[in-house]
Amino acid sequence: MPFWLALVLLSASVVLWCLGSENGDDVIGLLEHILSVAFMAIALLAGHFFPLELAGVVLACWLPSARRRQKPQSLPQRGDGLLPY
């Protein structure tokens, strides 16, 4: 894939993500987010941007640790004897 085409796809991905976030219609906004992620995946996988791919892997490895830093939420105690699912 030519470098300029990968940059066009990355730019289109950013524009679609911003448009999807600002869209009042949830369905169209979700469609724009899906297209944005698809464009980003095509640009990263076919364009061979190693620094961006490496940043994505580092981010994916870092995300589960965010849950470990949060305090577990305690459930309110009720006297009716029902167990929460």
PDB file of N, CA and C in Angstrom:
ATOM      1  N   MET A   1       0.843  -1.167   0.000  1.00  0.00           N
ATOM      2  CA  MET A   1       0.000   0.000   0.000  1.00  0.00           C
ATOM      3  C   MET A   1       0.891   1.234   0.000  1.00  0.00           C
ATOM      4  N   PRO A   2       0.607   2.179  -0.866  1.00  0.00           N
ATOM      5  CA  PRO A   2       1.409   3.413  -0.875  1.00  0.00           C
ATOM      6  C   PRO A   2       1.224   4.204   0.416  1.00  0.00           C
ATOM      7  N   PHE A   3       2.257   4.939   0.749  1.00  0.00           N
ATOM      8  CA  PHE A   3       2.253   5.706   1.995  1.00  0.00           C
ATOM      9  C   PHE A   3       1.134   6.743   2.005  1.00  0.00           C
ATOM     10  N   TRP A   4       0.902   7.399   0.870  1.00  0.00           N
ATOM     11  CA  TRP A   4      -0.126   8.432   0.822  1.00  0.00           C
ATOM     12  C   TRP A   4      -1.517   7.853   1.025  1.00  0.00           C
ATOM     13  N   LEU A   5      -1.755   6.632   0.560  1.00  0.00           N
ATOM     14  CA  LEU A   5      -3.059   6.009   0.744  1.00  0.00           C
ATOM     15  C   LEU A   5      -3.287   5.639   2.206  1.00  0.00           C
ATOM     16  N   ALA A   6      -2.243   5.192   2.876  1.00  0.00           N
ATOM     17  CA  ALA A   6      -2.356   4.891   4.298  1.00  0.00           C
ATOM     18  C   ALA A   6      -2.647   6.158   5.091  1.00  0.00           C
ATOM     19  N   LEU A   7      -2.019   7.264   4.728  1.00  0.00           N
ATOM     20  CA  LEU A   7      -2.290   8.529   5.409  1.00  0.00           C
ATOM     21  C   LEU A   7      -3.712   9.018   5.150  1.00  0.00           C
ATOM     22  N   VAL A   8      -4.222   8.798   3.936  1.00  0.00           N
ATOM     23  CA  VAL A   8      -5.612   9.167   3.638  1.00  0.00           C
ATOM     24  C   VAL A   8      -6.570   8.338   4.492  1.00  0.00           C
ATOM     25  N   LEU A   9      -6.300   7.037   4.616  1.00  0.00           N
ATOM     26  CA  LEU A   9      -7.153   6.187   5.439  1.00  0.00           C
ATOM     27  C   LEU A   9      -7.094   6.576   6.919  1.00  0.00           C
ATOM     28  N   LEU A  10      -5.902   6.894   7.406  1.00  0.00           N
ATOM     29  CA  LEU A  10      -5.784   7.341   8.798  1.00  0.00           C
ATOM     30  C   LEU A  10      -6.520   8.660   9.027  1.00  0.00           C
ATOM     31  N   SER A  11      -6.414   9.570   8.078  1.00  0.00           N
ATOM     32  CA  SER A  11      -7.119  10.851   8.199  1.00  0.00           C
ATOM     33  C   SER A  11      -8.630  10.646   8.154  1.00  0.00           C
ATOM     34  N   ALA A  12      -9.087   9.804   7.243  1.00  0.00           N
ATOM     35  CA  ALA A  12     -10.517   9.519   7.148  1.00  0.00           C
ATOM     36  C   ALA A  12     -11.015   8.852   8.428  1.00  0.00           C
ATOM     37  N   SER A  13     -10.167   8.015   9.019  1.00  0.00           N
ATOM     38  CA  SER A  13     -10.538   7.354  10.265  1.00  0.00           C
ATOM     39  C   SER A  13     -10.735   8.371  11.380  1.00  0.00           C
ATOM     40  N   VAL A  14      -9.850   9.316  11.504  1.00  0.00           N
ATOM     41  CA  VAL A  14      -9.963  10.343  12.543  1.00  0.00           C
ATOM     42  C   VAL A  14     -11.199  11.214  12.309  1.00  0.00           C
ATOM     43  N   VAL A  15     -11.438  11.594  11.059  1.00  0.00           N
ATOM     44  CA  VAL A  15     -12.595  12.431  10.742  1.00  0.00           C
ATOM     45  C   VAL A  15     -13.890  11.683  11.036  1.00  0.00           C
ATOM     46  N   LEU A  16     -13.970  10.414  10.625  1.00  0.00           N
ATOM     47  CA  LEU A  16     -15.177   9.631  10.888  1.00  0.00           C
ATOM     48  C   LEU A  16     -15.406   9.426  12.381  1.00  0.00           C
ATOM     49  N   TRP A  17     -14.344   9.233  13.147  1.00  0.00           N
ATOM     50  CA  TRP A  17     -14.506   9.057  14.593  1.00  0.00           C
ATOM     51  C   TRP A  17     -15.065  10.338  15.226  1.00  0.00           C
ATOM     52  N   CYS A  18     -14.543  11.474  14.815  1.00  0.00           N
ATOM     53  CA  CYS A  18     -15.035  12.751  15.357  1.00  0.00           C
ATOM     54  C   CYS A  18     -16.489  12.996  14.946  1.00  0.00           C
ATOM     55  N   LEU A  19     -16.820  12.705  13.692  1.00  0.00           N
ATOM     56  CA  LEU A  19     -18.196  12.873  13.238  1.00  0.00           C
ATOM     57  C   LEU A  19     -19.146  11.925  13.973  1.00  0.00           C
ATOM     58  N   GLY A  20     -18.694  10.705  14.209  1.00  0.00           N
ATOM     59  CA  GLY A  20     -19.528   9.740  14.921  1.00  0.00           C
ATOM     60  C   GLY A  20     -19.749  10.123  16.366  1.00  0.00           C
ATOM     61  N   SER A  21     -18.765  10.761  16.969  1.00  0.00           N
ATOM     62  CA  SER A  21     -18.922  11.196  18.365  1.00  0.00           C
ATOM     63  C   SER A  21     -19.883  12.367  18.490  1.00  0.00           C
ATOM     64  N   GLU A  22     -19.939  13.212  17.463  1.00  0.00           N
ATOM     65  CA  GLU A  22     -20.798  14.401  17.503  1.00  0.00           C
ATOM     66  C   GLU A  22     -22.198  14.141  16.966  1.00  0.00           C
ATOM     67  N   ASN A  23     -22.423  12.991  16.346  1.00  0.00           N
ATOM     68  CA  ASN A  23     -23.699  12.716  15.705  1.00  0.00           C
ATOM     69  C   ASN A  23     -24.774  12.454  16.753  1.00  0.00           C
ATOM     70  N   GLY A  24     -25.930  13.070  16.578  1.00  0.00           N
ATOM     71  CA  GLY A  24     -27.030  12.893  17.517  1.00  0.00           C
ATOM     72  C   GLY A  24     -27.745  11.564  17.346  1.00  0.00           C
ATOM     73  N   ASP A  25     -27.684  10.997  16.163  1.00  0.00           N
ATOM     74  CA  ASP A  25     -28.324   9.710  15.897  1.00  0.00           C
ATOM     75  C   ASP A  25     -27.362   8.595  16.304  1.00  0.00           C
ATOM     76  N   ASP A  26     -27.786   7.752  17.231  1.00  0.00           N
ATOM     77  CA  ASP A  26     -26.906   6.704  17.763  1.00  0.00           C
ATOM     78  C   ASP A  26     -26.518   5.681  16.705  1.00  0.00           C
ATOM     79  N   VAL A  27     -27.438   5.329  15.823  1.00  0.00           N
ATOM     80  CA  VAL A  27     -27.160   4.292  14.819  1.00  0.00           C
ATOM     81  C   VAL A  27     -26.133   4.793  13.806  1.00  0.00           C
ATOM     82  N   ILE A  28     -26.320   5.993  13.313  1.00  0.00           N
ATOM     83  CA  ILE A  28     -25.378   6.553  12.341  1.00  0.00           C
ATOM     84  C   ILE A  28     -24.026   6.802  13.008  1.00  0.00           C
ATOM     85  N   GLY A  29     -24.033   7.251  14.253  1.00  0.00           N
ATOM     86  CA  GLY A  29     -22.778   7.453  14.984  1.00  0.00           C
ATOM     87  C   GLY A  29     -22.023   6.150  15.166  1.00  0.00           C
ATOM     88  N   LEU A  30     -22.750   5.070  15.488  1.00  0.00           N
ATOM     89  CA  LEU A  30     -22.112   3.763  15.629  1.00  0.00           C
ATOM     90  C   LEU A  30     -21.549   3.283  14.298  1.00  0.00           C
ATOM     91  N   LEU A  31     -22.294   3.499  13.213  1.00  0.00           N
ATOM     92  CA  LEU A  31     -21.802   3.120  11.887  1.00  0.00           C
ATOM     93  C   LEU A  31     -20.521   3.888  11.541  1.00  0.00           C
ATOM     94  N   GLU A  32     -20.486   5.166  11.867  1.00  0.00           N
ATOM     95  CA  GLU A  32     -19.275   5.954  11.597  1.00  0.00           C
ATOM     96  C   GLU A  32     -18.107   5.471  12.447  1.00  0.00           C
ATOM     97  N   HIS A  33     -18.363   5.066  13.683  1.00  0.00           N
ATOM     98  CA  HIS A  33     -17.292   4.520  14.516  1.00  0.00           C
ATOM     99  C   HIS A  33     -16.791   3.190  13.956  1.00  0.00           C
ATOM    100  N   ILE A  34     -17.691   2.346  13.478  1.00  0.00           N
ATOM    101  CA  ILE A  34     -17.285   1.060  12.900  1.00  0.00           C
ATOM    102  C   ILE A  34     -16.448   1.286  11.657  1.00  0.00           C
ATOM    103  N   LEU A  35     -16.870   2.198  10.793  1.00  0.00           N
ATOM    104  CA  LEU A  35     -16.082   2.506   9.592  1.00  0.00           C
ATOM    105  C   LEU A  35     -14.719   3.091   9.967  1.00  0.00           C
ATOM    106  N   SER A  36     -14.690   3.915  10.985  1.00  0.00           N
ATOM    107  CA  SER A  36     -13.434   4.498  11.435  1.00  0.00           C
ATOM    108  C   SER A  36     -12.461   3.417  11.901  1.00  0.00           C
ATOM    109  N   VAL A  37     -12.949   2.482  12.690  1.00  0.00           N
ATOM    110  CA  VAL A  37     -12.092   1.401  13.172  1.00  0.00           C
ATOM    111  C   VAL A  37     -11.638   0.523  12.009  1.00  0.00           C
ATOM    112  N   ALA A  38     -12.519   0.282  11.043  1.00  0.00           N
ATOM    113  CA  ALA A  38     -12.142  -0.520   9.877  1.00  0.00           C
ATOM    114  C   ALA A  38     -11.054   0.181   9.064  1.00  0.00           C
ATOM    115  N   PHE A  39     -11.206   1.476   8.832  1.00  0.00           N
ATOM    116  CA  PHE A  39     -10.172   2.221   8.097  1.00  0.00           C
ATOM    117  C   PHE A  39      -8.842   2.202   8.838  1.00  0.00           C
ATOM    118  N   MET A  40      -8.902   2.357  10.160  1.00  0.00           N
ATOM    119  CA  MET A  40      -7.678   2.344  10.957  1.00  0.00           C
ATOM    120  C   MET A  40      -7.006   0.972  10.878  1.00  0.00           C
ATOM    121  N   ALA A  41      -7.798  -0.088  10.955  1.00  0.00           N
ATOM    122  CA  ALA A  41      -7.233  -1.432  10.894  1.00  0.00           C
ATOM    123  C   ALA A  41      -6.601  -1.699   9.533  1.00  0.00           C
ATOM    124  N   ILE A  42      -7.264  -1.273   8.470  1.00  0.00           N
ATOM    125  CA  ILE A  42      -6.698  -1.464   7.126  1.00  0.00           C
ATOM    126  C   ILE A  42      -5.398  -0.688   6.982  1.00  0.00           C
ATOM    127  N   ALA A  43      -5.398   0.561   7.443  1.00  0.00           N
ATOM    128  CA  ALA A  43      -4.191   1.385   7.309  1.00  0.00           C
ATOM    129  C   ALA A  43      -3.037   0.819   8.126  1.00  0.00           C
ATOM    130  N   LEU A  44      -3.325   0.328   9.340  1.00  0.00           N
ATOM    131  CA  LEU A  44      -2.249  -0.174  10.188  1.00  0.00           C
ATOM    132  C   LEU A  44      -1.747  -1.544   9.733  1.00  0.00           C
ATOM    133  N   LEU A  45      -2.658  -2.406   9.341  1.00  0.00           N
ATOM    134  CA  LEU A  45      -2.242  -3.754   8.968  1.00  0.00           C
ATOM    135  C   LEU A  45      -1.636  -3.815   7.574  1.00  0.00           C
ATOM    136  N   ALA A  46      -2.172  -3.045   6.633  1.00  0.00           N
ATOM    137  CA  ALA A  46      -1.644  -3.080   5.270  1.00  0.00           C
ATOM    138  C   ALA A  46      -0.545  -2.043   5.053  1.00  0.00           C
ATOM    139  N   GLY A  47      -0.527  -0.984   5.861  1.00  0.00           N
ATOM    140  CA  GLY A  47       0.463   0.071   5.675  1.00  0.00           C
ATOM    141  C   GLY A  47       1.782  -0.196   6.367  1.00  0.00           C
ATOM    142  N   HIS A  48       1.807  -1.156   7.283  1.00  0.00           N
ATOM    143  CA  HIS A  48       3.016  -1.542   8.012  1.00  0.00           C
ATOM    144  C   HIS A  48       3.652  -0.361   8.739  1.00  0.00           C
ATOM    145  N   PHE A  49       2.831   0.328   9.546  1.00  0.00           N
ATOM    146  CA  PHE A  49       3.336   1.389  10.398  1.00  0.00           C
ATOM    147  C   PHE A  49       3.778   0.757  11.712  1.00  0.00           C
ATOM    148  N   PHE A  50       5.011   0.374  11.782  1.00  0.00           N
ATOM    149  CA  PHE A  50       5.493  -0.357  12.954  1.00  0.00           C
ATOM    150  C   PHE A  50       5.369   0.441  14.250  1.00  0.00           C
ATOM    151  N   PRO A  51       5.698   1.726  14.296  1.00  0.00           N
ATOM    152  CA  PRO A  51       5.551   2.459  15.566  1.00  0.00           C
ATOM    153  C   PRO A  51       4.102   2.517  16.055  1.00  0.00           C
ATOM    154  N   LEU A  52       3.146   2.699  15.131  1.00  0.00           N
ATOM    155  CA  LEU A  52       1.752   2.730  15.545  1.00  0.00           C
ATOM    156  C   LEU A  52       1.269   1.352  15.981  1.00  0.00           C
ATOM    157  N   GLU A  53       1.716   0.315  15.295  1.00  0.00           N
ATOM    158  CA  GLU A  53       1.344  -1.040  15.696  1.00  0.00           C
ATOM    159  C   GLU A  53       1.920  -1.367  17.071  1.00  0.00           C
ATOM    160  N   LEU A  54       3.139  -0.963  17.312  1.00  0.00           N
ATOM    161  CA  LEU A  54       3.768  -1.189  18.607  1.00  0.00           C
ATOM    162  C   LEU A  54       3.045  -0.409  19.706  1.00  0.00           C
ATOM    163  N   ALA A  55       2.633   0.819  19.416  1.00  0.00           N
ATOM    164  CA  ALA A  55       1.888   1.611  20.399  1.00  0.00           C
ATOM    165  C   ALA A  55       0.543   0.952  20.718  1.00  0.00           C
ATOM    166  N   GLY A  56      -0.100   0.372  19.716  1.00  0.00           N
ATOM    167  CA  GLY A  56      -1.358  -0.331  19.952  1.00  0.00           C
ATOM    168  C   GLY A  56      -1.178  -1.558  20.819  1.00  0.00           C
ATOM    169  N   VAL A  57      -0.095  -2.290  20.606  1.00  0.00           N
ATOM    170  CA  VAL A  57       0.175  -3.475  21.428  1.00  0.00           C
ATOM    171  C   VAL A  57       0.477  -3.068  22.866  1.00  0.00           C
ATOM    172  N   VAL A  58       1.249  -2.014  23.038  1.00  0.00           N
ATOM    173  CA  VAL A  58       1.563  -1.535  24.388  1.00  0.00           C
ATOM    174  C   VAL A  58       0.286  -1.066  25.092  1.00  0.00           C
ATOM    175  N   LEU A  59      -0.570  -0.357  24.375  1.00  0.00           N
ATOM    176  CA  LEU A  59      -1.833   0.094  24.958  1.00  0.00           C
ATOM    177  C   LEU A  59      -2.714  -1.093  25.337  1.00  0.00           C
ATOM    178  N   ALA A  60      -2.782  -2.100  24.487  1.00  0.00           N
ATOM    179  CA  ALA A  60      -3.600  -3.285  24.781  1.00  0.00           C
ATOM    180  C   ALA A  60      -3.059  -4.040  25.993  1.00  0.00           C
ATOM    181  N   CYS A  61      -1.762  -4.082  26.145  1.00  0.00           N
ATOM    182  CA  CYS A  61      -1.179  -4.754  27.315  1.00  0.00           C
ATOM    183  C   CYS A  61      -1.367  -3.934  28.587  1.00  0.00           C
ATOM    184  N   TRP A  62      -1.467  -2.628  28.462  1.00  0.00           N
ATOM    185  CA  TRP A  62      -1.599  -1.764  29.620  1.00  0.00           C
ATOM    186  C   TRP A  62      -3.036  -1.703  30.130  1.00  0.00           C
ATOM    187  N   LEU A  63      -4.035  -1.855  29.270  1.00  0.00           N
ATOM    188  CA  LEU A  63      -5.430  -1.662  29.651  1.00  0.00           C
ATOM    189  C   LEU A  63      -5.911  -2.568  30.777  1.00  0.00           C
ATOM    190  N   PRO A  64      -5.620  -3.854  30.800  1.00  0.00           N
ATOM    191  CA  PRO A  64      -6.130  -4.661  31.915  1.00  0.00           C
ATOM    192  C   PRO A  64      -5.613  -4.221  33.278  1.00  0.00           C
ATOM    193  N   SER A  65      -4.461  -3.592  33.322  1.00  0.00           N
ATOM    194  CA  SER A  65      -3.938  -3.152  34.610  1.00  0.00           C
ATOM    195  C   SER A  65      -4.753  -1.994  35.176  1.00  0.00           C
ATOM    196  N   ALA A  66      -5.524  -1.306  34.347  1.00  0.00           N
ATOM    197  CA  ALA A  66      -6.347  -0.208  34.842  1.00  0.00           C
ATOM    198  C   ALA A  66      -7.445  -0.732  35.760  1.00  0.00           C
ATOM    199  N   ARG A  67      -7.926  -1.914  35.504  1.00  0.00           N
ATOM    200  CA  ARG A  67      -8.968  -2.480  36.354  1.00  0.00           C
ATOM    201  C   ARG A  67      -8.416  -2.888  37.713  1.00  0.00           C
ATOM    202  N   ARG A  68      -7.180  -3.294  37.758  1.00  0.00           N
ATOM    203  CA  ARG A  68      -6.598  -3.721  39.031  1.00  0.00           C
ATOM    204  C   ARG A  68      -6.389  -2.543  39.977  1.00  0.00           C
ATOM    205  N   ARG A  69      -6.261  -1.345  39.442  1.00  0.00           N
ATOM    206  CA  ARG A  69      -6.015  -0.165  40.282  1.00  0.00           C
ATOM    207  C   ARG A  69      -7.289   0.370  40.918  1.00  0.00           C
ATOM    208  N   GLN A  70      -8.440  -0.039  40.426  1.00  0.00           N
ATOM    209  CA  GLN A  70      -9.691   0.456  40.981  1.00  0.00           C
ATOM    210  C   GLN A  70     -10.094  -0.362  42.195  1.00  0.00           C
ATOM    211  N   LYS A  71     -10.729   0.328  43.139  1.00  0.00           N
ATOM    212  CA  LYS A  71     -11.248  -0.375  44.312  1.00  0.00           C
ATOM    213  C   LYS A  71     -12.509  -1.123  43.906  1.00  0.00           C
ATOM    214  N   PRO A  72     -12.667  -2.351  44.381  1.00  0.00           N
ATOM    215  CA  PRO A  72     -13.894  -3.068  44.048  1.00  0.00           C
ATOM    216  C   PRO A  72     -15.093  -2.400  44.716  1.00  0.00           C
ATOM    217  N   GLN A  73     -16.182  -2.356  43.986  1.00  0.00           N
ATOM    218  CA  GLN A  73     -17.379  -1.743  44.532  1.00  0.00           C
ATOM    219  C   GLN A  73     -18.077  -2.747  45.430  1.00  0.00           C
ATOM    220  N   SER A  74     -18.426  -2.292  46.610  1.00  0.00           N
ATOM    221  CA  SER A  74     -19.131  -3.174  47.531  1.00  0.00           C
ATOM    222  C   SER A  74     -20.627  -3.091  47.256  1.00  0.00           C
ATOM    223  N   LEU A  75     -21.269  -4.227  47.335  1.00  0.00           N
ATOM    224  CA  LEU A  75     -22.699  -4.279  47.123  1.00  0.00           C
ATOM    225  C   LEU A  75     -23.421  -3.860  48.392  1.00  0.00           C
ATOM    226  N   PRO A  76     -24.528  -3.159  48.254  1.00  0.00           N
ATOM    227  CA  PRO A  76     -25.267  -2.771  49.457  1.00  0.00           C
ATOM    228  C   PRO A  76     -25.849  -4.008  50.134  1.00  0.00           C
ATOM    229  N   GLN A  77     -25.797  -4.011  51.438  1.00  0.00           N
ATOM    230  CA  GLN A  77     -26.312  -5.143  52.204  1.00  0.00           C
ATOM    231  C   GLN A  77     -27.818  -5.005  52.361  1.00  0.00           C
ATOM    232  N   ARG A  78     -28.495  -6.050  51.974  1.00  0.00           N
ATOM    233  CA  ARG A  78     -29.951  -6.057  52.120  1.00  0.00           C
ATOM    234  C   ARG A  78     -30.316  -7.256  52.996  1.00  0.00           C
ATOM    235  N   GLY A  79     -31.370  -7.135  53.708  1.00  0.00           N
ATOM    236  CA  GLY A  79     -31.786  -8.191  54.619  1.00  0.00           C
ATOM    237  C   GLY A  79     -32.763  -9.183  54.027  1.00  0.00           C
ATOM    238  N   ASP A  80     -32.983  -9.146  52.698  1.00  0.00           N
ATOM    239  CA  ASP A  80     -33.985 -10.027  52.150  1.00  0.00           C
ATOM    240  C   ASP A  80     -33.423 -11.409  51.783  1.00  0.00           C
ATOM    241  N   GLY A  81     -32.140 -11.623  51.877  1.00  0.00           N
ATOM    242  CA  GLY A  81     -31.530 -12.935  51.650  1.00  0.00           C
ATOM    243  C   GLY A  81     -31.300 -13.280  50.206  1.00  0.00           C
ATOM    244  N   LEU A  82     -31.560 -12.387  49.270  1.00  0.00           N
ATOM    245  CA  LEU A  82     -31.315 -12.681  47.855  1.00  0.00           C
ATOM    246  C   LEU A  82     -29.830 -12.450  47.529  1.00  0.00           C
ATOM    247  N   LEU A  83     -29.284 -13.313  46.717  1.00  0.00           N
ATOM    248  CA  LEU A  83     -27.901 -13.166  46.309  1.00  0.00           C
ATOM    249  C   LEU A  83     -27.844 -12.444  44.976  1.00  0.00           C
ATOM    250  N   PRO A  84     -26.959 -11.473  44.813  1.00  0.00           N
ATOM    251  CA  PRO A  84     -26.849 -10.789  43.517  1.00  0.00           C
ATOM    252  C   PRO A  84     -26.170 -11.698  42.493  1.00  0.00           C
ATOM    253  N   TYR A  85     -26.584 -11.586  41.281  1.00  0.00           N
ATOM    254  CA  TYR A  85     -25.991 -12.395  40.214  1.00  0.00           C
ATOM    255  C   TYR A  85     -24.810 -11.702  39.644  1.00  0.00           C
TER     256      TYR A  85
END
